[in-house]
Amino acid sequence: MSDLSLHFFGPPSTTVVLLVHGAGAGQESPFMQAMAVGLAEQDCRVGLFDFHYMARAQREGRRRPPEPMPRLIECWQQAIELAIGEGARRLVIGGKSMGGRVASMIYEQTAEAVGLVCLGYPFHPIGKPDRLRVEHLHDIRKPVLVIQGERDGLGSREQVAGYRLPDHFQFEWLCDGDHSFKPRKASGYTLEQHQQQAVEIMAGWIKSLR
């Protein structure tokens, strides 16, 4: 029996933004909550969920590593089915780091998905810039929004410029931000400013989708 459940934010709508967490922290993390609450305040309907391994880790009170990619994909597909069962007709799918990466793998084949949002896409493992995770991205024909910190350790602005990704991908760079959008104090920016900027970019982009 699946332990998957969706937690919704924002006003009722047939267009739902489904977001999921990265590898290390679930939907209750400050980052995911900031994205969901912020989008809800922009009149977007948002659904959050936890991958099965994360839900189990929370029940057991201990950390667990992510499951293999096929299981993560299966969980994403279950979340999409739940959202459709709740009345969603159009979906924007994505999430933080690993969550956005898994969504990118099913996006092109998901008829209801009209947009993909990646919040800090993990273009390569930390410290291994030669192990790229971009091949499948070249097959995506539908709209994609990537919001990335300029000094993201899993894909900086300088690195990504050399990846030759599809022209229709929209990149938005957060000044001096790291993988979680956090800038250094000397930059003059704050994490809260970058999170709000990400929310506003997402909300505008989502509302522009047809």
N, C-alpha and C. Protein backbone atom coordinates (compact mmCIF):
# COMPACT_ATOMS: atom_id res chain seq x y z
N MET A 1 0.84 -1.19 0.00
CA MET A 1 0.00 0.00 0.00
C MET A 1 0.88 1.25 0.00
N SER A 2 0.56 2.21 -0.85
CA SER A 2 1.37 3.42 -0.96
C SER A 2 1.13 4.34 0.23
N ASP A 3 2.23 4.94 0.72
CA ASP A 3 2.11 5.92 1.80
C ASP A 3 2.18 7.33 1.24
N LEU A 4 2.01 7.46 -0.07
CA LEU A 4 2.14 8.77 -0.71
C LEU A 4 0.88 9.61 -0.48
N SER A 5 1.11 10.88 -0.15
CA SER A 5 0.00 11.81 -0.02
C SER A 5 0.46 13.18 -0.48
N LEU A 6 -0.49 13.96 -0.98
CA LEU A 6 -0.20 15.31 -1.44
C LEU A 6 -0.70 16.32 -0.41
N HIS A 7 0.07 17.35 -0.20
CA HIS A 7 -0.33 18.43 0.70
C HIS A 7 -0.43 19.70 -0.12
N PHE A 8 -1.62 20.27 -0.16
CA PHE A 8 -1.90 21.38 -1.07
C PHE A 8 -1.82 22.74 -0.38
N PHE A 9 -1.42 23.71 -1.17
CA PHE A 9 -1.36 25.10 -0.76
C PHE A 9 -2.03 25.93 -1.85
N GLY A 10 -2.63 27.05 -1.45
CA GLY A 10 -3.17 27.97 -2.44
C GLY A 10 -4.60 27.67 -2.85
N PRO A 11 -5.16 28.54 -3.70
CA PRO A 11 -6.57 28.44 -4.07
C PRO A 11 -6.84 27.26 -4.99
N PRO A 12 -8.06 26.73 -4.98
CA PRO A 12 -8.42 25.63 -5.89
C PRO A 12 -8.18 26.04 -7.35
N SER A 13 -7.67 25.09 -8.13
CA SER A 13 -7.41 25.34 -9.55
C SER A 13 -7.23 24.01 -10.24
N THR A 14 -7.56 23.98 -11.53
CA THR A 14 -7.30 22.77 -12.31
C THR A 14 -5.86 22.74 -12.80
N THR A 15 -5.12 23.84 -12.62
CA THR A 15 -3.68 23.85 -12.89
C THR A 15 -2.95 23.73 -11.56
N VAL A 16 -2.16 22.68 -11.41
CA VAL A 16 -1.49 22.39 -10.14
C VAL A 16 0.01 22.31 -10.37
N VAL A 17 0.75 22.95 -9.47
CA VAL A 17 2.21 22.89 -9.48
C VAL A 17 2.63 21.80 -8.49
N LEU A 18 3.16 20.70 -8.99
CA LEU A 18 3.61 19.61 -8.13
C LEU A 18 5.12 19.72 -7.93
N LEU A 19 5.53 19.85 -6.67
CA LEU A 19 6.94 20.00 -6.36
C LEU A 19 7.37 18.96 -5.33
N VAL A 20 8.62 18.50 -5.48
CA VAL A 20 9.15 17.53 -4.52
C VAL A 20 10.57 17.94 -4.13
N HIS A 21 10.99 17.43 -3.01
CA HIS A 21 12.25 17.82 -2.36
C HIS A 21 13.49 17.23 -3.04
N GLY A 22 14.65 17.65 -2.53
CA GLY A 22 15.92 17.08 -2.95
C GLY A 22 16.28 15.86 -2.13
N ALA A 23 17.53 15.42 -2.22
CA ALA A 23 17.92 14.14 -1.63
C ALA A 23 17.91 14.14 -0.11
N GLY A 24 18.20 15.28 0.53
CA GLY A 24 18.47 15.23 1.96
C GLY A 24 17.40 15.72 2.91
N ALA A 25 16.41 16.46 2.42
CA ALA A 25 15.38 17.02 3.30
C ALA A 25 14.04 16.99 2.61
N GLY A 26 12.97 16.68 3.36
CA GLY A 26 11.66 16.47 2.76
C GLY A 26 10.84 17.74 2.57
N GLN A 27 9.54 17.54 2.37
CA GLN A 27 8.65 18.65 2.06
C GLN A 27 8.51 19.65 3.22
N GLU A 28 8.83 19.24 4.43
CA GLU A 28 8.73 20.14 5.57
C GLU A 28 9.95 21.04 5.73
N SER A 29 10.93 20.88 4.86
CA SER A 29 12.14 21.70 4.95
C SER A 29 11.79 23.17 4.70
N PRO A 30 12.55 24.09 5.30
CA PRO A 30 12.27 25.51 5.10
C PRO A 30 12.25 25.91 3.62
N PHE A 31 13.13 25.31 2.82
CA PHE A 31 13.17 25.65 1.39
C PHE A 31 11.86 25.29 0.70
N MET A 32 11.41 24.04 0.87
CA MET A 32 10.20 23.60 0.18
C MET A 32 8.98 24.37 0.68
N GLN A 33 8.92 24.64 1.98
CA GLN A 33 7.80 25.39 2.52
C GLN A 33 7.79 26.82 1.99
N ALA A 34 8.97 27.41 1.88
CA ALA A 34 9.05 28.78 1.35
C ALA A 34 8.55 28.82 -0.10
N MET A 35 8.91 27.82 -0.89
CA MET A 35 8.45 27.79 -2.29
C MET A 35 6.94 27.62 -2.36
N ALA A 36 6.40 26.67 -1.59
CA ALA A 36 4.97 26.39 -1.65
C ALA A 36 4.14 27.55 -1.13
N VAL A 37 4.52 28.09 0.03
CA VAL A 37 3.76 29.20 0.61
C VAL A 37 3.87 30.43 -0.29
N GLY A 38 5.06 30.68 -0.80
CA GLY A 38 5.24 31.83 -1.68
C GLY A 38 4.41 31.75 -2.94
N LEU A 39 4.39 30.58 -3.56
CA LEU A 39 3.58 30.41 -4.77
C LEU A 39 2.09 30.52 -4.46
N ALA A 40 1.69 29.98 -3.31
CA ALA A 40 0.27 30.09 -2.92
C ALA A 40 -0.13 31.55 -2.76
N GLU A 41 0.77 32.36 -2.24
CA GLU A 41 0.49 33.79 -2.08
C GLU A 41 0.41 34.49 -3.44
N GLN A 42 0.94 33.85 -4.47
CA GLN A 42 0.86 34.37 -5.83
C GLN A 42 -0.32 33.73 -6.59
N ASP A 43 -1.24 33.13 -5.83
CA ASP A 43 -2.47 32.52 -6.39
C ASP A 43 -2.22 31.28 -7.23
N CYS A 44 -1.13 30.57 -6.94
CA CYS A 44 -0.88 29.30 -7.59
C CYS A 44 -1.31 28.15 -6.68
N ARG A 45 -1.86 27.11 -7.26
CA ARG A 45 -2.21 25.90 -6.51
C ARG A 45 -1.00 24.99 -6.51
N VAL A 46 -0.50 24.64 -5.33
CA VAL A 46 0.74 23.87 -5.20
C VAL A 46 0.49 22.60 -4.42
N GLY A 47 1.09 21.50 -4.87
CA GLY A 47 1.05 20.24 -4.15
C GLY A 47 2.46 19.77 -3.84
N LEU A 48 2.73 19.47 -2.57
CA LEU A 48 4.02 18.91 -2.15
C LEU A 48 3.84 17.45 -1.75
N PHE A 49 4.89 16.68 -1.93
CA PHE A 49 4.87 15.30 -1.45
C PHE A 49 6.28 14.87 -1.11
N ASP A 50 6.40 13.75 -0.42
CA ASP A 50 7.70 13.16 -0.08
C ASP A 50 7.89 11.88 -0.87
N PHE A 51 9.11 11.66 -1.35
CA PHE A 51 9.44 10.35 -1.91
C PHE A 51 9.27 9.30 -0.81
N HIS A 52 9.05 8.05 -1.22
CA HIS A 52 8.78 6.99 -0.24
C HIS A 52 9.90 6.86 0.79
N TYR A 53 11.16 6.94 0.34
CA TYR A 53 12.27 6.76 1.28
C TYR A 53 12.28 7.86 2.34
N MET A 54 11.89 9.07 1.94
CA MET A 54 11.87 10.18 2.88
C MET A 54 10.74 10.01 3.89
N ALA A 55 9.57 9.59 3.41
CA ALA A 55 8.46 9.35 4.32
C ALA A 55 8.82 8.26 5.34
N ARG A 56 9.52 7.21 4.87
CA ARG A 56 9.93 6.14 5.77
C ARG A 56 10.96 6.65 6.77
N ALA A 57 11.90 7.46 6.31
CA ALA A 57 12.93 8.02 7.20
C ALA A 57 12.29 8.85 8.31
N GLN A 58 11.26 9.60 7.97
CA GLN A 58 10.60 10.43 8.97
C GLN A 58 9.84 9.57 9.97
N ARG A 59 9.23 8.49 9.49
CA ARG A 59 8.53 7.58 10.41
C ARG A 59 9.50 6.92 11.39
N GLU A 60 10.67 6.55 10.86
CA GLU A 60 11.65 5.83 11.67
C GLU A 60 12.54 6.76 12.49
N GLY A 61 12.51 8.04 12.17
CA GLY A 61 13.34 9.00 12.89
C GLY A 61 14.82 8.90 12.59
N ARG A 62 15.15 8.44 11.38
CA ARG A 62 16.57 8.37 11.00
C ARG A 62 16.72 8.61 9.50
N ARG A 63 17.89 9.06 9.10
CA ARG A 63 18.14 9.36 7.71
C ARG A 63 18.22 8.10 6.87
N ARG A 64 17.75 8.19 5.64
CA ARG A 64 17.86 7.10 4.69
C ARG A 64 18.33 7.67 3.36
N PRO A 65 19.10 6.90 2.60
CA PRO A 65 19.54 7.39 1.29
C PRO A 65 18.40 7.30 0.29
N PRO A 66 18.46 8.08 -0.78
CA PRO A 66 17.44 7.99 -1.83
C PRO A 66 17.38 6.59 -2.42
N GLU A 67 16.20 6.22 -2.87
CA GLU A 67 16.02 4.95 -3.55
C GLU A 67 16.59 5.01 -4.96
N PRO A 68 16.71 3.87 -5.65
CA PRO A 68 17.17 3.87 -7.04
C PRO A 68 16.22 4.67 -7.93
N MET A 69 16.74 5.18 -9.03
CA MET A 69 15.96 6.04 -9.91
C MET A 69 14.61 5.43 -10.34
N PRO A 70 14.53 4.14 -10.69
CA PRO A 70 13.21 3.60 -11.08
C PRO A 70 12.15 3.77 -10.00
N ARG A 71 12.53 3.62 -8.73
CA ARG A 71 11.57 3.79 -7.64
C ARG A 71 11.17 5.25 -7.49
N LEU A 72 12.13 6.16 -7.65
CA LEU A 72 11.82 7.58 -7.57
C LEU A 72 10.87 7.99 -8.69
N ILE A 73 11.10 7.46 -9.88
CA ILE A 73 10.22 7.74 -11.02
C ILE A 73 8.81 7.21 -10.75
N GLU A 74 8.75 6.00 -10.21
CA GLU A 74 7.44 5.40 -9.89
C GLU A 74 6.68 6.26 -8.88
N CYS A 75 7.40 6.78 -7.90
CA CYS A 75 6.77 7.64 -6.89
C CYS A 75 6.23 8.92 -7.54
N TRP A 76 7.02 9.52 -8.43
CA TRP A 76 6.56 10.72 -9.14
C TRP A 76 5.29 10.43 -9.93
N GLN A 77 5.26 9.29 -10.60
CA GLN A 77 4.08 8.93 -11.39
C GLN A 77 2.86 8.74 -10.50
N GLN A 78 3.06 8.20 -9.31
CA GLN A 78 1.95 8.05 -8.37
C GLN A 78 1.44 9.43 -7.93
N ALA A 79 2.35 10.35 -7.69
CA ALA A 79 1.94 11.70 -7.29
C ALA A 79 1.12 12.37 -8.39
N ILE A 80 1.52 12.17 -9.63
CA ILE A 80 0.77 12.74 -10.75
C ILE A 80 -0.63 12.13 -10.82
N GLU A 81 -0.74 10.84 -10.63
CA GLU A 81 -2.05 10.18 -10.63
C GLU A 81 -2.93 10.71 -9.50
N LEU A 82 -2.33 10.93 -8.32
CA LEU A 82 -3.10 11.47 -7.21
C LEU A 82 -3.61 12.88 -7.53
N ALA A 83 -2.74 13.70 -8.11
CA ALA A 83 -3.14 15.07 -8.45
C ALA A 83 -4.28 15.07 -9.46
N ILE A 84 -4.19 14.23 -10.45
CA ILE A 84 -5.25 14.13 -11.45
C ILE A 84 -6.54 13.65 -10.80
N GLY A 85 -6.41 12.70 -9.87
CA GLY A 85 -7.58 12.23 -9.13
C GLY A 85 -8.21 13.31 -8.27
N GLU A 86 -7.42 14.31 -7.89
CA GLU A 86 -7.93 15.43 -7.08
C GLU A 86 -8.47 16.55 -7.96
N GLY A 87 -8.49 16.35 -9.28
CA GLY A 87 -9.09 17.35 -10.17
C GLY A 87 -8.13 18.14 -11.02
N ALA A 88 -6.82 17.86 -10.93
CA ALA A 88 -5.86 18.58 -11.76
C ALA A 88 -6.04 18.19 -13.23
N ARG A 89 -5.97 19.19 -14.10
CA ARG A 89 -6.06 18.93 -15.55
C ARG A 89 -4.77 19.34 -16.26
N ARG A 90 -4.09 20.32 -15.70
CA ARG A 90 -2.80 20.76 -16.21
C ARG A 90 -1.81 20.76 -15.07
N LEU A 91 -0.62 20.26 -15.32
CA LEU A 91 0.38 20.16 -14.27
C LEU A 91 1.67 20.87 -14.66
N VAL A 92 2.25 21.53 -13.68
CA VAL A 92 3.65 21.96 -13.76
C VAL A 92 4.37 21.09 -12.74
N ILE A 93 5.39 20.35 -13.18
CA ILE A 93 6.07 19.43 -12.29
C ILE A 93 7.52 19.88 -12.10
N GLY A 94 8.10 19.49 -10.98
CA GLY A 94 9.49 19.86 -10.72
C GLY A 94 9.85 19.76 -9.27
N GLY A 95 10.90 20.49 -8.88
CA GLY A 95 11.30 20.46 -7.49
C GLY A 95 12.74 20.85 -7.31
N LYS A 96 13.20 20.61 -6.09
CA LYS A 96 14.57 20.98 -5.71
C LYS A 96 15.54 19.88 -6.10
N SER A 97 16.62 20.23 -6.76
CA SER A 97 17.74 19.35 -7.03
C SER A 97 17.28 17.99 -7.58
N MET A 98 17.46 16.91 -6.81
CA MET A 98 17.10 15.58 -7.28
C MET A 98 15.63 15.48 -7.66
N GLY A 99 14.76 16.17 -6.92
CA GLY A 99 13.33 16.11 -7.24
C GLY A 99 13.04 16.64 -8.63
N GLY A 100 13.69 17.75 -8.99
CA GLY A 100 13.53 18.29 -10.33
C GLY A 100 14.14 17.40 -11.39
N ARG A 101 15.27 16.78 -11.06
CA ARG A 101 15.91 15.87 -12.02
C ARG A 101 15.01 14.68 -12.34
N VAL A 102 14.41 14.08 -11.32
CA VAL A 102 13.51 12.94 -11.57
C VAL A 102 12.31 13.40 -12.40
N ALA A 103 11.76 14.57 -12.07
CA ALA A 103 10.63 15.09 -12.86
C ALA A 103 11.02 15.28 -14.31
N SER A 104 12.26 15.70 -14.56
CA SER A 104 12.69 15.92 -15.94
C SER A 104 12.72 14.63 -16.75
N MET A 105 12.83 13.51 -16.07
CA MET A 105 12.92 12.23 -16.76
C MET A 105 11.56 11.71 -17.22
N ILE A 106 10.48 12.21 -16.63
CA ILE A 106 9.15 11.75 -17.03
C ILE A 106 8.34 12.85 -17.70
N TYR A 107 8.88 14.05 -17.73
CA TYR A 107 8.14 15.23 -18.21
C TYR A 107 7.64 15.09 -19.63
N GLU A 108 8.51 14.74 -20.53
CA GLU A 108 8.14 14.71 -21.95
C GLU A 108 7.06 13.66 -22.22
N GLN A 109 7.01 12.61 -21.42
CA GLN A 109 6.03 11.53 -21.63
C GLN A 109 4.75 11.71 -20.81
N THR A 110 4.67 12.79 -20.03
CA THR A 110 3.49 13.04 -19.19
C THR A 110 2.58 14.04 -19.88
N ALA A 111 1.47 13.56 -20.43
CA ALA A 111 0.61 14.40 -21.27
C ALA A 111 0.06 15.60 -20.51
N GLU A 112 -0.25 15.42 -19.23
CA GLU A 112 -0.86 16.50 -18.46
C GLU A 112 0.14 17.59 -18.06
N ALA A 113 1.44 17.30 -18.16
CA ALA A 113 2.48 18.24 -17.72
C ALA A 113 2.76 19.25 -18.82
N VAL A 114 2.55 20.52 -18.49
CA VAL A 114 2.76 21.59 -19.48
C VAL A 114 3.99 22.43 -19.15
N GLY A 115 4.62 22.19 -18.00
CA GLY A 115 5.80 22.93 -17.61
C GLY A 115 6.65 22.13 -16.64
N LEU A 116 7.96 22.38 -16.69
CA LEU A 116 8.92 21.74 -15.79
C LEU A 116 9.74 22.83 -15.12
N VAL A 117 9.81 22.78 -13.78
CA VAL A 117 10.59 23.75 -13.01
C VAL A 117 11.66 23.01 -12.23
N CYS A 118 12.92 23.39 -12.45
CA CYS A 118 14.03 22.80 -11.72
C CYS A 118 14.68 23.86 -10.84
N LEU A 119 14.66 23.64 -9.55
CA LEU A 119 15.21 24.58 -8.58
C LEU A 119 16.57 24.08 -8.13
N GLY A 120 17.62 24.53 -8.78
CA GLY A 120 18.95 24.01 -8.51
C GLY A 120 19.13 22.64 -9.12
N TYR A 121 19.15 22.58 -10.46
CA TYR A 121 19.29 21.27 -11.12
C TYR A 121 20.69 20.71 -10.84
N PRO A 122 20.78 19.41 -10.48
CA PRO A 122 22.09 18.80 -10.20
C PRO A 122 22.75 18.32 -11.49
N PHE A 123 23.39 19.23 -12.19
CA PHE A 123 23.96 18.90 -13.49
C PHE A 123 25.07 17.85 -13.39
N HIS A 124 25.69 17.73 -12.24
CA HIS A 124 26.70 16.70 -12.00
C HIS A 124 26.80 16.48 -10.50
N PRO A 125 27.33 15.33 -10.07
CA PRO A 125 27.53 15.13 -8.63
C PRO A 125 28.55 16.14 -8.10
N ILE A 126 28.47 16.41 -6.82
CA ILE A 126 29.39 17.37 -6.22
C ILE A 126 30.83 16.88 -6.38
N GLY A 127 31.69 17.75 -6.87
CA GLY A 127 33.10 17.42 -7.06
C GLY A 127 33.40 16.55 -8.26
N LYS A 128 32.38 16.26 -9.09
CA LYS A 128 32.59 15.39 -10.27
C LYS A 128 31.99 16.05 -11.51
N PRO A 129 32.56 17.16 -11.95
CA PRO A 129 31.97 17.91 -13.07
C PRO A 129 32.01 17.18 -14.40
N ASP A 130 32.76 16.08 -14.48
CA ASP A 130 32.82 15.33 -15.73
C ASP A 130 31.68 14.32 -15.85
N ARG A 131 30.94 14.08 -14.78
CA ARG A 131 29.83 13.12 -14.81
C ARG A 131 28.51 13.87 -14.99
N LEU A 132 28.24 14.26 -16.22
CA LEU A 132 27.09 15.11 -16.49
C LEU A 132 25.77 14.32 -16.50
N ARG A 133 24.72 15.01 -16.09
CA ARG A 133 23.36 14.44 -16.07
C ARG A 133 22.47 15.25 -17.00
N VAL A 134 22.87 15.38 -18.24
CA VAL A 134 22.16 16.28 -19.16
C VAL A 134 21.65 15.60 -20.42
N GLU A 135 22.06 14.36 -20.68
CA GLU A 135 21.75 13.76 -21.98
C GLU A 135 20.25 13.76 -22.28
N HIS A 136 19.44 13.37 -21.30
CA HIS A 136 17.99 13.28 -21.55
C HIS A 136 17.35 14.66 -21.71
N LEU A 137 18.01 15.70 -21.22
CA LEU A 137 17.43 17.04 -21.33
C LEU A 137 17.30 17.48 -22.78
N HIS A 138 18.16 16.97 -23.64
CA HIS A 138 18.13 17.37 -25.05
C HIS A 138 16.89 16.83 -25.77
N ASP A 139 16.18 15.88 -25.16
CA ASP A 139 14.98 15.31 -25.78
C ASP A 139 13.71 16.05 -25.36
N ILE A 140 13.83 17.02 -24.46
CA ILE A 140 12.65 17.73 -23.97
C ILE A 140 12.28 18.84 -24.93
N ARG A 141 11.01 18.84 -25.36
CA ARG A 141 10.52 19.83 -26.32
C ARG A 141 9.58 20.85 -25.66
N LYS A 142 9.09 20.53 -24.48
CA LYS A 142 8.12 21.39 -23.80
C LYS A 142 8.85 22.43 -22.94
N PRO A 143 8.12 23.44 -22.43
CA PRO A 143 8.74 24.52 -21.67
C PRO A 143 9.46 24.04 -20.40
N VAL A 144 10.63 24.63 -20.16
CA VAL A 144 11.45 24.30 -18.99
C VAL A 144 11.97 25.59 -18.37
N LEU A 145 11.85 25.69 -17.05
CA LEU A 145 12.42 26.81 -16.30
C LEU A 145 13.44 26.24 -15.31
N VAL A 146 14.65 26.75 -15.36
CA VAL A 146 15.70 26.37 -14.41
C VAL A 146 16.11 27.61 -13.63
N ILE A 147 15.97 27.53 -12.31
CA ILE A 147 16.42 28.61 -11.43
C ILE A 147 17.63 28.09 -10.67
N GLN A 148 18.76 28.74 -10.83
CA GLN A 148 20.04 28.20 -10.38
C GLN A 148 20.86 29.29 -9.71
N GLY A 149 21.54 28.94 -8.62
CA GLY A 149 22.50 29.85 -8.02
C GLY A 149 23.73 29.96 -8.90
N GLU A 150 24.28 31.13 -9.03
CA GLU A 150 25.42 31.34 -9.93
C GLU A 150 26.64 30.49 -9.56
N ARG A 151 26.82 30.22 -8.27
CA ARG A 151 27.98 29.42 -7.85
C ARG A 151 27.55 28.05 -7.33
N ASP A 152 26.47 27.52 -7.89
CA ASP A 152 25.99 26.19 -7.52
C ASP A 152 27.09 25.16 -7.74
N GLY A 153 27.40 24.40 -6.69
CA GLY A 153 28.45 23.40 -6.77
C GLY A 153 28.10 22.19 -7.61
N LEU A 154 26.84 22.09 -8.04
CA LEU A 154 26.41 21.00 -8.90
C LEU A 154 26.08 21.50 -10.30
N GLY A 155 26.55 22.69 -10.60
CA GLY A 155 26.33 23.28 -11.92
C GLY A 155 26.32 24.79 -11.84
N SER A 156 27.51 25.40 -11.92
CA SER A 156 27.61 26.85 -11.83
C SER A 156 27.24 27.50 -13.16
N ARG A 157 27.12 28.81 -13.13
CA ARG A 157 26.77 29.53 -14.35
C ARG A 157 27.81 29.31 -15.44
N GLU A 158 29.07 29.33 -15.05
CA GLU A 158 30.14 29.12 -16.03
C GLU A 158 30.11 27.71 -16.61
N GLN A 159 29.86 26.72 -15.76
CA GLN A 159 29.81 25.34 -16.25
C GLN A 159 28.63 25.13 -17.20
N VAL A 160 27.46 25.58 -16.79
CA VAL A 160 26.25 25.33 -17.57
C VAL A 160 26.33 26.00 -18.94
N ALA A 161 27.04 27.11 -19.03
CA ALA A 161 27.17 27.81 -20.31
C ALA A 161 27.80 26.91 -21.38
N GLY A 162 28.57 25.91 -20.96
CA GLY A 162 29.22 25.03 -21.93
C GLY A 162 28.46 23.76 -22.25
N TYR A 163 27.25 23.59 -21.71
CA TYR A 163 26.52 22.34 -21.88
C TYR A 163 25.69 22.27 -23.16
N ARG A 164 25.51 23.39 -23.84
CA ARG A 164 24.74 23.44 -25.09
C ARG A 164 23.34 22.86 -24.93
N LEU A 165 22.64 23.32 -23.91
CA LEU A 165 21.28 22.85 -23.65
C LEU A 165 20.30 23.50 -24.62
N PRO A 166 19.10 22.92 -24.78
CA PRO A 166 18.14 23.45 -25.75
C PRO A 166 17.86 24.94 -25.56
N ASP A 167 17.70 25.63 -26.67
CA ASP A 167 17.51 27.08 -26.64
C ASP A 167 16.23 27.49 -25.92
N HIS A 168 15.21 26.61 -25.91
CA HIS A 168 13.95 27.02 -25.30
C HIS A 168 13.95 26.86 -23.77
N PHE A 169 15.01 26.32 -23.20
CA PHE A 169 15.12 26.29 -21.74
C PHE A 169 15.31 27.72 -21.24
N GLN A 170 14.55 28.11 -20.24
CA GLN A 170 14.71 29.44 -19.65
C GLN A 170 15.53 29.32 -18.37
N PHE A 171 16.67 29.97 -18.34
CA PHE A 171 17.54 29.98 -17.16
C PHE A 171 17.41 31.31 -16.44
N GLU A 172 17.28 31.24 -15.12
CA GLU A 172 17.28 32.42 -14.28
C GLU A 172 18.35 32.21 -13.21
N TRP A 173 19.31 33.13 -13.16
CA TRP A 173 20.46 32.98 -12.27
C TRP A 173 20.34 33.90 -11.05
N LEU A 174 20.56 33.33 -9.87
CA LEU A 174 20.50 34.08 -8.62
C LEU A 174 21.91 34.49 -8.23
N CYS A 175 22.13 35.77 -8.09
CA CYS A 175 23.47 36.32 -7.87
C CYS A 175 24.15 35.72 -6.64
N ASP A 176 25.29 35.08 -6.87
CA ASP A 176 26.13 34.54 -5.81
C ASP A 176 25.46 33.41 -5.03
N GLY A 177 24.36 32.89 -5.54
CA GLY A 177 23.66 31.82 -4.83
C GLY A 177 24.35 30.48 -4.94
N ASP A 178 24.22 29.64 -3.89
CA ASP A 178 24.76 28.28 -3.94
C ASP A 178 23.65 27.31 -4.37
N HIS A 179 23.83 26.03 -4.10
CA HIS A 179 22.87 25.03 -4.57
C HIS A 179 21.49 25.20 -3.95
N SER A 180 21.44 25.81 -2.77
CA SER A 180 20.16 26.08 -2.11
C SER A 180 19.80 27.56 -2.20
N PHE A 181 20.44 28.27 -3.13
CA PHE A 181 20.20 29.69 -3.41
C PHE A 181 20.83 30.63 -2.40
N LYS A 182 21.53 30.12 -1.41
CA LYS A 182 22.08 30.97 -0.36
C LYS A 182 23.30 31.73 -0.88
N PRO A 183 23.30 33.06 -0.78
CA PRO A 183 24.46 33.86 -1.18
C PRO A 183 25.40 34.09 0.00
N ARG A 184 26.62 34.47 -0.31
CA ARG A 184 27.55 34.86 0.76
C ARG A 184 27.16 36.24 1.28
N LYS A 185 27.45 36.46 2.55
CA LYS A 185 27.04 37.71 3.19
C LYS A 185 27.62 38.93 2.46
N ALA A 186 28.85 38.79 1.99
CA ALA A 186 29.52 39.92 1.33
C ALA A 186 28.87 40.30 0.01
N SER A 187 28.01 39.43 -0.51
CA SER A 187 27.36 39.72 -1.80
C SER A 187 26.34 40.85 -1.69
N GLY A 188 25.84 41.07 -0.48
CA GLY A 188 24.80 42.07 -0.30
C GLY A 188 23.39 41.53 -0.47
N TYR A 189 23.28 40.25 -0.82
CA TYR A 189 21.98 39.61 -0.97
C TYR A 189 21.71 38.70 0.23
N THR A 190 20.45 38.29 0.38
CA THR A 190 20.09 37.34 1.44
C THR A 190 19.38 36.14 0.84
N LEU A 191 19.36 35.06 1.59
CA LEU A 191 18.64 33.87 1.15
C LEU A 191 17.16 34.18 0.94
N GLU A 192 16.59 34.96 1.86
CA GLU A 192 15.16 35.29 1.75
C GLU A 192 14.87 36.07 0.47
N GLN A 193 15.76 36.96 0.09
CA GLN A 193 15.58 37.70 -1.16
C GLN A 193 15.62 36.76 -2.36
N HIS A 194 16.56 35.83 -2.34
CA HIS A 194 16.67 34.89 -3.46
C HIS A 194 15.46 33.95 -3.52
N GLN A 195 14.97 33.52 -2.37
CA GLN A 195 13.78 32.67 -2.37
C GLN A 195 12.57 33.42 -2.92
N GLN A 196 12.42 34.67 -2.52
CA GLN A 196 11.31 35.47 -3.02
C GLN A 196 11.45 35.71 -4.52
N GLN A 197 12.67 35.95 -4.97
CA GLN A 197 12.90 36.15 -6.40
C GLN A 197 12.53 34.88 -7.17
N ALA A 198 12.92 33.73 -6.63
CA ALA A 198 12.58 32.46 -7.28
C ALA A 198 11.07 32.27 -7.36
N VAL A 199 10.38 32.57 -6.29
CA VAL A 199 8.92 32.45 -6.27
C VAL A 199 8.29 33.35 -7.34
N GLU A 200 8.73 34.59 -7.40
CA GLU A 200 8.15 35.53 -8.36
C GLU A 200 8.43 35.12 -9.80
N ILE A 201 9.63 34.63 -10.04
CA ILE A 201 9.97 34.13 -11.39
C ILE A 201 9.07 32.95 -11.75
N MET A 202 8.96 32.00 -10.82
CA MET A 202 8.12 30.82 -11.08
C MET A 202 6.68 31.21 -11.34
N ALA A 203 6.12 32.05 -10.47
CA ALA A 203 4.71 32.41 -10.59
C ALA A 203 4.43 33.06 -11.94
N GLY A 204 5.28 33.99 -12.34
CA GLY A 204 5.08 34.65 -13.63
C GLY A 204 5.19 33.68 -14.78
N TRP A 205 6.17 32.79 -14.70
CA TRP A 205 6.38 31.81 -15.77
C TRP A 205 5.21 30.82 -15.86
N ILE A 206 4.76 30.34 -14.71
CA ILE A 206 3.65 29.38 -14.67
C ILE A 206 2.39 30.00 -15.29
N LYS A 207 2.12 31.25 -14.95
CA LYS A 207 0.91 31.90 -15.47
C LYS A 207 1.01 32.21 -16.96
N SER A 208 2.24 32.19 -17.49
CA SER A 208 2.40 32.45 -18.93
C SER A 208 2.23 31.21 -19.79
N LEU A 209 2.20 30.03 -19.15
CA LEU A 209 2.09 28.77 -19.91
C LEU A 209 0.70 28.63 -20.52
N ARG A 210 0.66 28.07 -21.71
CA ARG A 210 -0.63 27.87 -22.39
C ARG A 210 -0.94 26.40 -22.50
